[in-house]
Amino acid sequence: MSKAYDLIALGGGSAGLASAQRAAEYGARALVIERGYLGGTCVNVGCVPKKVMWHAAELAQAFRDAPDYGFTVDTPQHNWAALVERRETYIRRLNGIYERNLKKRLVDWVSGSARFVDTHTLEVNGEQYTAPNIIIATGGEPIVPETPGAELGITSDGFFALTRQPQRVAVVGSGYIAIELAGVLGGLGSKTELFARKNSVLRSMDEMLQAGAINGLEGHGISVHLNSPVSSVSQAADGLSMTLADGSVTGPFDVLIWAVGRRPLTGDIGLEHTGVTVNEQGYVTVDRYQETNTPGIFALGDVTGQAELTPVAIAAGRRLSDRLFGGMKDRHLDYTNIPTVVFSHPPIATVGLTEAAAREQYGDAAKVYTSGFVPLFYGVCENKGRAEMKLVTTGAEERVIGCHMIGAGSDEILQGFAVAIKMGACKKDLDDTVAIHPTCAEELVTMR
């Protein structure tokens, strides 16, 4: 006999947890089904452990800069294993907090792998659960390419499983995961090389940020190889070697990390029993209300391929439950002007249209303001870190439609400016705002 709910979230990551808990606030009976640890990718093998490692790399750089501020600093020794132990202890604590929050909000949860039996029924651990509203929020997983010898490498999941710091690392990829992992490893002292398949990195971002990311990597001692697709990987006595498309061989490496993209986890959940449509990559197709082509089945988060970011999944999940159970009939997430950050060294922050996209869309009505400078912190340092900022505007009123930054503090600066852009701020609004001095953020309100 099946157990009945008002809402079932298939997946206990950001999207599933947010939607189920918001539904419960409205009095709905909700269930979360998760095959792994609660919190999904973000908490366990994504944002949270990544940021911990990023902080460690930033601290390492602080030790290197400290003598320029008059400190006598012995060469610090980093204990990778100790950091990993503390990081994982923190994550397990978060898993427990998520579980307690579900209990507090009267949301049931089941641990196990679920499959659709029909459009309103899921089976897990031999039990069946039904609901008129089912959310597919199963997330994604890293891709391992079909390259000869690819199995010798690891993915971002494997990176977080490392208990020893590798000394020689190849990172293959050009997206934010590749940039972030390369930055962490290089910052903590590993000899790190990044291999990008095409002629740049972060290719969906503004060209200023692409160039800044490469300069930041190289400035931290990381070798960047563009136009360098990998043809094969082999194991030698002294480590891994890679053959590139041009026939050259590089290595040896202790570890090779594939950071070439992610794919949705939709292949083993019984979608064939639902009629739900997926695209060629396996992403679930949804409308603006997150509903699939099968009434009563919804999809949220990375499994939809829409802005694969934790806060996006949370926002979409809460809005869906607001609509289903809170009486907000047109409630849905607006996917325009979503801010995002790359935790590189220095960090990158971006929201809105790139300069190229703005010129394509608005032509001569697009106007761009830029600023490049050495932040005050680096004024007394031998290492002259730089910051670059860009505002993209359109029309006679110069409405701000894009904001792009790379430099220390960019990750924290962007949130407030993203609010202003979402509200329709114009360049004059920024000009009329008194600057906070001396900061990097003041550059965004003093550009001419």
Protein backbone atom coordinates (compact mmCIF):
# COMPACT_ATOMS: atom_id res chain seq x y z
CA MET A 1 0.00 0.00 0.00
CA SER A 2 1.43 3.38 -0.99
CA LYS A 3 1.91 6.36 1.32
CA ALA A 4 0.26 9.58 0.14
CA TYR A 5 1.72 13.10 0.22
CA ASP A 6 0.83 16.49 -1.25
CA LEU A 7 4.36 16.96 -2.59
CA ILE A 8 7.31 14.65 -3.16
CA ALA A 9 10.76 16.04 -3.94
CA LEU A 10 12.95 13.49 -5.68
CA GLY A 11 16.32 14.77 -4.54
CA GLY A 12 17.50 16.21 -1.23
CA GLY A 13 19.71 18.94 -2.60
CA SER A 14 19.10 22.67 -2.62
CA ALA A 15 16.02 22.55 -4.88
CA GLY A 16 14.27 19.60 -3.27
CA LEU A 17 14.85 20.78 0.29
CA ALA A 18 13.75 24.34 -0.42
CA SER A 19 10.54 23.34 -2.17
CA ALA A 20 9.54 20.71 0.40
CA GLN A 21 10.16 22.94 3.39
CA ARG A 22 8.32 25.88 1.85
CA ALA A 23 5.38 23.57 1.02
CA ALA A 24 5.31 22.37 4.62
CA GLU A 25 5.10 25.97 5.83
CA TYR A 26 1.77 26.18 4.02
CA GLY A 27 0.54 23.00 5.70
CA ALA A 28 1.26 20.60 2.84
CA ARG A 29 2.44 17.09 3.63
CA ALA A 30 5.84 16.81 1.97
CA LEU A 31 8.41 14.06 1.44
CA VAL A 32 12.06 14.27 0.36
CA ILE A 33 13.80 11.25 -1.18
CA GLU A 34 17.61 11.36 -1.38
CA ARG A 35 20.07 8.60 -2.31
CA GLY A 36 23.12 10.28 -0.78
CA TYR A 37 23.81 12.85 1.91
CA LEU A 38 21.27 15.61 2.43
CA GLY A 39 22.34 18.91 0.89
CA GLY A 40 23.18 17.55 -2.54
CA THR A 41 26.15 18.59 -4.63
CA CYS A 42 26.52 22.06 -3.12
CA VAL A 43 26.98 20.97 0.47
CA ASN A 44 28.86 17.72 -0.09
CA VAL A 45 31.03 18.02 -3.22
CA GLY A 46 30.46 21.54 -4.47
CA CYS A 47 30.09 25.09 -3.19
CA VAL A 48 30.75 24.51 0.51
CA PRO A 49 33.88 22.33 0.44
CA LYS A 50 35.15 24.35 -2.55
CA LYS A 51 34.86 27.60 -0.60
CA VAL A 52 36.70 26.07 2.36
CA MET A 53 39.57 25.13 0.06
CA TRP A 54 39.46 28.59 -1.55
CA HIS A 55 39.83 30.20 1.88
CA ALA A 56 42.88 28.01 2.51
CA ALA A 57 44.48 29.16 -0.74
CA GLU A 58 43.70 32.79 0.12
CA LEU A 59 45.38 32.32 3.51
CA ALA A 60 48.45 30.87 1.78
CA GLN A 61 48.65 34.02 -0.36
CA ALA A 62 48.24 36.17 2.75
CA PHE A 63 51.33 34.52 4.23
CA ARG A 64 53.23 35.38 1.06
CA ASP A 65 52.11 39.01 1.21
CA ALA A 66 52.64 39.42 4.97
CA PRO A 67 56.35 40.44 4.80
CA ASP A 68 55.36 43.47 2.70
CA TYR A 69 53.34 44.60 5.71
CA GLY A 70 56.29 44.24 8.07
CA PHE A 71 55.63 40.75 9.39
CA THR A 72 58.40 38.22 9.86
CA VAL A 73 56.81 34.99 8.73
CA ASP A 74 58.41 31.58 8.75
CA THR A 75 57.57 29.48 5.71
CA PRO A 76 54.22 27.96 6.68
CA GLN A 77 53.66 24.25 6.31
CA HIS A 78 50.23 23.24 5.13
CA ASN A 79 48.61 19.99 6.32
CA TRP A 80 46.18 19.01 3.56
CA ALA A 81 44.87 15.98 5.45
CA ALA A 82 44.09 18.04 8.55
CA LEU A 83 42.17 20.58 6.49
CA VAL A 84 40.18 17.83 4.75
CA GLU A 85 39.31 16.26 8.09
CA ARG A 86 38.03 19.57 9.48
CA ARG A 87 36.18 20.30 6.24
CA GLU A 88 34.42 16.94 6.23
CA THR A 89 33.52 17.24 9.91
CA TYR A 90 31.89 20.57 9.12
CA ILE A 91 29.97 19.06 6.19
CA ARG A 92 28.69 16.14 8.27
CA ARG A 93 27.48 18.72 10.78
CA LEU A 94 25.60 20.48 7.97
CA ASN A 95 24.04 17.17 6.92
CA GLY A 96 22.72 16.79 10.45
CA ILE A 97 21.36 20.33 10.48
CA TYR A 98 19.44 19.65 7.25
CA GLU A 99 17.95 16.50 8.75
CA ARG A 100 16.93 18.29 11.92
CA ASN A 101 15.39 21.13 9.90
CA LEU A 102 13.24 18.65 7.98
CA LYS A 103 12.05 17.09 11.21
CA LYS A 104 11.33 20.51 12.73
CA ARG A 105 9.22 21.45 9.72
CA LEU A 106 7.42 18.09 9.73
CA VAL A 107 8.86 17.07 6.35
CA ASP A 108 9.44 13.33 5.97
CA TRP A 109 12.53 12.03 4.24
CA VAL A 110 13.61 8.66 2.92
CA SER A 111 17.15 7.56 2.11
CA GLY A 112 17.40 5.55 -1.10
CA SER A 113 17.22 5.53 -4.88
CA ALA A 114 13.73 6.15 -6.24
CA ARG A 115 12.10 5.34 -9.58
CA PHE A 116 8.82 6.42 -11.08
CA VAL A 117 6.21 3.67 -11.25
CA ASP A 118 3.72 5.98 -12.91
CA THR A 119 3.15 9.74 -13.16
CA HIS A 120 2.15 10.07 -9.51
CA THR A 121 4.01 7.18 -7.83
CA LEU A 122 7.63 6.65 -6.81
CA GLU A 123 9.14 3.45 -5.46
CA VAL A 124 12.13 3.38 -3.14
CA ASN A 125 13.43 0.55 -0.94
CA GLY A 126 10.42 -1.55 -1.92
CA GLU A 127 7.93 1.05 -0.69
CA GLN A 128 5.66 3.19 -2.87
CA TYR A 129 4.87 6.87 -2.34
CA THR A 130 2.29 8.92 -4.21
CA ALA A 131 1.58 12.63 -4.65
CA PRO A 132 -0.30 14.87 -7.10
CA ASN A 133 2.84 17.02 -7.26
CA ILE A 134 6.25 15.44 -7.81
CA ILE A 135 9.46 17.43 -8.26
CA ILE A 136 12.46 16.00 -10.11
CA ALA A 137 15.47 17.57 -8.40
CA THR A 138 18.10 14.87 -8.83
CA GLY A 139 20.93 17.22 -9.80
CA GLY A 140 23.91 16.27 -11.91
CA GLU A 141 27.31 14.63 -11.94
CA PRO A 142 30.72 15.41 -13.49
CA ILE A 143 31.43 14.21 -17.02
CA VAL A 144 34.38 11.95 -17.81
CA PRO A 145 35.13 12.29 -21.53
CA GLU A 146 35.38 9.37 -23.92
CA THR A 147 39.11 9.90 -24.30
CA PRO A 148 41.45 6.89 -24.32
CA GLY A 149 42.82 6.54 -20.80
CA ALA A 150 40.27 8.97 -19.33
CA GLU A 151 39.58 6.56 -16.48
CA LEU A 152 43.05 7.34 -15.11
CA GLY A 153 41.83 10.81 -14.17
CA ILE A 154 39.41 12.01 -11.51
CA THR A 155 36.62 14.59 -11.45
CA SER A 156 35.70 17.31 -8.97
CA ASP A 157 34.15 14.56 -6.84
CA GLY A 158 37.54 12.87 -6.78
CA PHE A 159 39.25 16.14 -5.88
CA PHE A 160 37.19 16.35 -2.70
CA ALA A 161 38.14 12.76 -1.89
CA LEU A 162 41.89 13.53 -1.95
CA THR A 163 43.45 13.08 1.48
CA ARG A 164 46.95 13.96 0.28
CA GLN A 165 47.98 17.03 -1.66
CA PRO A 166 49.17 16.10 -5.16
CA GLN A 167 52.37 17.85 -6.16
CA ARG A 168 51.92 17.80 -9.96
CA VAL A 169 48.41 18.39 -11.28
CA ALA A 170 46.78 18.73 -14.68
CA VAL A 171 43.33 20.32 -14.74
CA VAL A 172 41.47 19.83 -18.02
CA GLY A 173 38.65 22.28 -18.67
CA SER A 174 37.85 25.96 -19.06
CA GLY A 175 34.71 26.55 -16.98
CA TYR A 176 34.35 27.84 -13.46
CA ILE A 177 35.07 24.45 -11.83
CA ALA A 178 38.35 24.12 -13.72
CA ILE A 179 39.39 27.67 -12.87
CA GLU A 180 38.51 27.29 -9.20
CA LEU A 181 40.22 23.93 -8.66
CA ALA A 182 43.34 25.04 -10.51
CA GLY A 183 43.46 28.16 -8.37
CA VAL A 184 43.12 26.24 -5.12
CA LEU A 185 45.79 23.70 -6.02
CA GLY A 186 48.20 26.32 -7.33
CA GLY A 187 47.56 28.56 -4.35
CA LEU A 188 48.39 25.76 -1.93
CA GLY A 189 51.66 25.00 -3.71
CA SER A 190 50.92 22.22 -6.19
CA LYS A 191 52.61 22.60 -9.59
CA THR A 192 49.44 23.08 -11.59
CA GLU A 193 48.74 23.26 -15.32
CA LEU A 194 45.38 24.06 -16.92
CA PHE A 195 44.49 22.70 -20.36
CA ALA A 196 41.67 24.42 -22.25
CA ARG A 197 40.22 23.00 -25.45
CA LYS A 198 39.63 26.37 -27.12
CA ASN A 199 41.28 29.79 -27.19
CA SER A 200 40.01 31.12 -23.87
CA VAL A 201 38.39 30.23 -20.56
CA LEU A 202 34.99 31.13 -19.08
CA ARG A 203 33.85 31.75 -22.64
CA SER A 204 30.26 32.66 -21.73
CA MET A 205 31.49 35.59 -19.62
CA ASP A 206 32.63 39.05 -20.63
CA GLU A 207 35.94 39.12 -22.51
CA MET A 208 37.44 41.30 -19.78
CA LEU A 209 36.78 38.53 -17.26
CA GLN A 210 38.17 35.85 -19.56
CA ALA A 211 41.44 37.74 -19.90
CA GLY A 212 41.50 38.54 -16.19
CA ALA A 213 41.01 34.90 -15.25
CA ILE A 214 43.98 33.83 -17.38
CA ASN A 215 46.15 36.62 -15.97
CA GLY A 216 45.11 35.67 -12.43
CA LEU A 217 46.01 32.02 -12.95
CA GLU A 218 49.37 32.82 -14.51
CA GLY A 219 50.06 35.42 -11.82
CA HIS A 220 49.72 32.66 -9.23
CA GLY A 221 52.19 30.43 -11.05
CA ILE A 222 49.68 28.24 -12.90
CA SER A 223 50.55 27.36 -16.49
CA VAL A 224 47.64 27.90 -18.88
CA HIS A 225 47.56 25.99 -22.17
CA LEU A 226 44.93 27.23 -24.64
CA ASN A 227 43.85 25.39 -27.79
CA SER A 228 45.06 22.20 -26.12
CA PRO A 229 42.47 19.40 -26.35
CA VAL A 230 43.57 16.09 -24.83
CA SER A 231 43.73 13.09 -27.18
CA SER A 232 44.79 10.38 -24.72
CA VAL A 233 46.07 9.68 -21.23
CA SER A 234 48.56 7.00 -20.23
CA GLN A 235 50.21 5.72 -17.08
CA ALA A 236 53.99 5.82 -16.86
CA ALA A 237 56.32 4.82 -14.06
CA ASP A 238 56.69 8.41 -12.88
CA GLY A 239 53.05 9.47 -13.24
CA LEU A 240 50.36 10.24 -15.79
CA SER A 241 51.16 11.68 -19.20
CA MET A 242 48.79 13.32 -21.67
CA THR A 243 48.99 13.42 -25.44
CA LEU A 244 47.46 16.58 -26.87
CA ALA A 245 45.71 16.96 -30.22
CA ASP A 246 48.84 18.42 -31.81
CA GLY A 247 50.78 15.25 -30.94
CA SER A 248 52.80 16.76 -28.11
CA VAL A 249 53.14 14.82 -24.86
CA THR A 250 53.04 16.52 -21.47
CA GLY A 251 53.55 15.34 -17.93
CA PRO A 252 54.22 13.56 -15.69
CA PHE A 253 51.36 14.38 -13.33
CA ASP A 254 50.36 12.86 -10.01
CA VAL A 255 46.70 13.68 -10.65
CA LEU A 256 44.63 14.61 -13.69
CA ILE A 257 41.32 16.34 -12.97
CA TRP A 258 38.58 16.34 -15.61
CA ALA A 259 36.52 19.53 -15.31
CA VAL A 260 34.83 19.38 -18.70
CA GLY A 261 31.21 19.82 -17.66
CA ARG A 262 28.37 18.07 -15.89
CA ARG A 263 25.34 16.04 -16.94
CA PRO A 264 21.90 15.61 -15.36
CA LEU A 265 21.06 12.54 -13.30
CA THR A 266 17.91 11.48 -15.14
CA GLY A 267 18.84 8.14 -16.69
CA ASP A 268 17.81 5.78 -13.89
CA ILE A 269 14.72 7.33 -12.30
CA GLY A 270 12.10 5.69 -14.52
CA LEU A 271 11.15 8.68 -16.64
CA GLU A 272 9.95 6.24 -19.31
CA HIS A 273 6.90 5.65 -17.10
CA THR A 274 5.98 9.34 -17.01
CA GLY A 275 6.11 10.71 -20.55
CA VAL A 276 8.37 13.52 -19.32
CA THR A 277 10.42 15.06 -22.14
CA VAL A 278 14.19 15.44 -21.87
CA ASN A 279 16.56 17.01 -24.40
CA GLU A 280 19.54 15.36 -26.11
CA GLN A 281 21.74 15.96 -23.08
CA GLY A 282 19.17 14.45 -20.71
CA TYR A 283 18.03 17.75 -19.16
CA VAL A 284 14.36 17.86 -18.23
CA THR A 285 12.35 20.35 -20.29
CA VAL A 286 10.19 22.74 -18.25
CA ASP A 287 8.09 25.86 -18.76
CA ARG A 288 8.51 29.09 -16.80
CA TYR A 289 6.57 27.54 -13.91
CA GLN A 290 9.08 24.63 -13.75
CA GLU A 291 6.40 22.21 -14.97
CA THR A 292 7.23 19.45 -17.41
CA ASN A 293 5.02 18.35 -20.30
CA THR A 294 3.40 15.89 -17.88
CA PRO A 295 0.95 17.72 -15.58
CA GLY A 296 1.87 17.45 -11.91
CA ILE A 297 5.54 16.65 -12.56
CA PHE A 298 7.99 19.51 -12.12
CA ALA A 299 11.77 19.83 -12.37
CA LEU A 300 14.13 22.13 -10.51
CA GLY A 301 17.81 22.92 -10.25
CA ASP A 302 20.71 21.49 -12.22
CA VAL A 303 18.54 18.75 -13.75
CA THR A 304 16.90 21.43 -15.94
CA GLY A 305 20.16 22.99 -17.17
CA GLN A 306 18.89 26.46 -16.26
CA ALA A 307 21.55 28.58 -14.50
CA GLU A 308 23.06 25.69 -12.54
CA LEU A 309 23.58 27.58 -9.29
CA THR A 310 22.53 26.74 -5.73
CA PRO A 311 20.65 30.01 -5.02
CA VAL A 312 18.77 29.60 -8.31
CA ALA A 313 17.61 26.12 -7.30
CA ILE A 314 16.51 27.38 -3.89
CA ALA A 315 14.68 30.41 -5.31
CA ALA A 316 12.90 28.36 -7.98
CA GLY A 317 11.90 25.71 -5.43
CA ARG A 318 10.43 28.20 -2.98
CA ARG A 319 8.53 30.01 -5.71
CA LEU A 320 7.09 26.75 -6.99
CA SER A 321 5.69 25.88 -3.57
CA ASP A 322 4.43 29.45 -3.15
CA ARG A 323 2.40 28.90 -6.31
CA LEU A 324 1.24 25.36 -5.58
CA PHE A 325 0.35 25.81 -1.91
CA GLY A 326 0.56 29.53 -1.09
CA GLY A 327 -2.06 30.88 -3.46
CA MET A 328 0.44 32.91 -5.54
CA LYS A 329 -0.93 31.95 -8.94
CA ASP A 330 1.75 33.52 -11.15
CA ARG A 331 4.72 33.01 -8.84
CA HIS A 332 7.83 31.86 -10.73
CA LEU A 333 11.53 32.61 -10.99
CA ASP A 334 12.77 35.27 -13.40
CA TYR A 335 16.00 33.88 -14.84
CA THR A 336 17.30 37.23 -16.09
CA ASN A 337 19.97 39.22 -14.24
CA ILE A 338 21.12 36.35 -12.03
CA PRO A 339 24.42 37.26 -10.35
CA THR A 340 27.17 34.70 -10.04
CA VAL A 341 30.72 34.45 -8.76
CA VAL A 342 33.76 32.41 -9.75
CA PHE A 343 35.93 31.78 -6.71
CA SER A 344 39.16 32.22 -8.58
CA HIS A 345 42.20 34.15 -7.36
CA PRO A 346 41.20 36.96 -7.48
CA PRO A 347 37.45 36.29 -7.50
CA ILE A 348 35.23 37.09 -10.47
CA ALA A 349 31.70 38.49 -10.17
CA THR A 350 29.22 39.07 -12.97
CA VAL A 351 25.56 39.88 -13.59
CA GLY A 352 23.61 40.83 -16.69
CA LEU A 353 24.69 41.16 -20.30
CA THR A 354 28.30 41.00 -21.46
CA GLU A 355 29.57 43.88 -23.57
CA ALA A 356 29.41 41.72 -26.71
CA ALA A 357 25.84 40.61 -26.00
CA ALA A 358 24.74 44.17 -25.26
CA ARG A 359 26.19 45.48 -28.52
CA GLU A 360 24.50 42.67 -30.42
CA GLN A 361 21.15 43.38 -28.77
CA TYR A 362 21.23 47.18 -28.50
CA GLY A 363 23.80 48.26 -31.09
CA ASP A 364 24.99 51.87 -30.69
CA ALA A 365 22.62 52.35 -27.74
CA ALA A 366 24.99 50.26 -25.63
CA LYS A 367 27.60 52.26 -23.73
CA VAL A 368 30.39 50.79 -21.62
CA TYR A 369 32.35 52.18 -18.69
CA THR A 370 35.52 50.54 -17.43
CA SER A 371 38.04 50.89 -14.65
CA GLY A 372 41.31 49.09 -14.04
CA PHE A 373 43.48 49.72 -10.99
CA VAL A 374 45.74 48.27 -8.31
CA PRO A 375 43.70 47.94 -5.08
CA LEU A 376 45.09 49.75 -2.07
CA PHE A 377 46.02 46.50 -0.32
CA TYR A 378 48.64 45.83 -3.00
CA GLY A 379 50.07 49.36 -2.90
CA VAL A 380 52.85 48.30 -0.53
CA CYS A 381 53.19 44.76 -1.92
CA GLU A 382 55.71 43.40 -4.37
CA ASN A 383 52.83 41.41 -5.87
CA LYS A 384 50.73 44.08 -7.62
CA GLY A 385 47.36 42.43 -7.88
CA ARG A 386 44.91 44.21 -10.15
CA ALA A 387 41.19 44.75 -10.33
CA GLU A 388 39.10 45.32 -13.47
CA MET A 389 35.50 46.52 -13.53
CA LYS A 390 32.98 47.16 -16.27
CA LEU A 391 29.48 48.63 -16.38
CA VAL A 392 27.34 48.01 -19.47
CA THR A 393 24.46 50.43 -20.06
CA THR A 394 21.84 51.12 -22.69
CA GLY A 395 19.61 53.97 -23.87
CA ALA A 396 19.55 57.67 -23.22
CA GLU A 397 18.95 57.01 -19.52
CA GLU A 398 21.94 54.63 -19.46
CA ARG A 399 20.12 51.83 -17.66
CA VAL A 400 22.69 49.41 -16.24
CA ILE A 401 22.29 46.02 -17.94
CA GLY A 402 25.62 44.44 -17.02
CA CYS A 403 28.19 44.60 -14.24
CA HIS A 404 31.44 42.62 -14.38
CA MET A 405 34.32 42.57 -11.90
CA ILE A 406 37.53 40.72 -11.19
CA GLY A 407 39.56 41.59 -8.15
CA ALA A 408 39.75 41.25 -4.38
CA GLY A 409 36.32 41.58 -2.79
CA SER A 410 34.36 41.28 -6.03
CA ASP A 411 32.47 38.28 -4.66
CA GLU A 412 31.04 40.36 -1.81
CA ILE A 413 30.61 43.62 -3.73
CA LEU A 414 28.30 42.27 -6.43
CA GLN A 415 25.31 41.31 -4.27
CA GLY A 416 24.23 44.88 -3.56
CA PHE A 417 24.79 46.06 -7.13
CA ALA A 418 22.80 43.08 -8.39
CA VAL A 419 19.83 44.35 -6.39
CA ALA A 420 20.19 47.79 -7.97
CA ILE A 421 20.38 46.33 -11.48
CA LYS A 422 17.34 44.12 -10.82
CA MET A 423 15.46 47.27 -9.79
CA GLY A 424 16.40 49.06 -13.02
CA ALA A 425 19.19 51.34 -11.79
CA CYS A 426 20.68 53.80 -14.25
CA LYS A 427 24.23 55.12 -14.44
CA LYS A 428 23.07 58.40 -12.88
CA ASP A 429 21.79 56.50 -9.82
CA LEU A 430 25.26 55.12 -9.31
CA ASP A 431 26.84 58.51 -9.97
CA ASP A 432 24.58 60.11 -7.36
CA THR A 433 25.60 57.57 -4.70
CA VAL A 434 28.36 58.79 -2.40
CA ALA A 435 31.43 56.57 -2.61
CA ILE A 436 32.88 54.68 0.34
CA HIS A 437 36.61 55.43 0.45
CA PRO A 438 39.06 53.77 0.26
CA THR A 439 37.43 50.66 -1.20
CA CYS A 440 37.36 48.80 -4.48
CA ALA A 441 33.56 49.07 -4.58
CA GLU A 442 33.72 52.86 -4.92
CA GLU A 443 35.00 52.44 -8.47
CA LEU A 444 31.52 51.36 -9.56
CA VAL A 445 30.01 54.71 -8.48
CA THR A 446 32.81 56.94 -9.79
CA MET A 447 33.29 55.69 -13.36
CA ARG A 448 33.28 58.32 -16.11
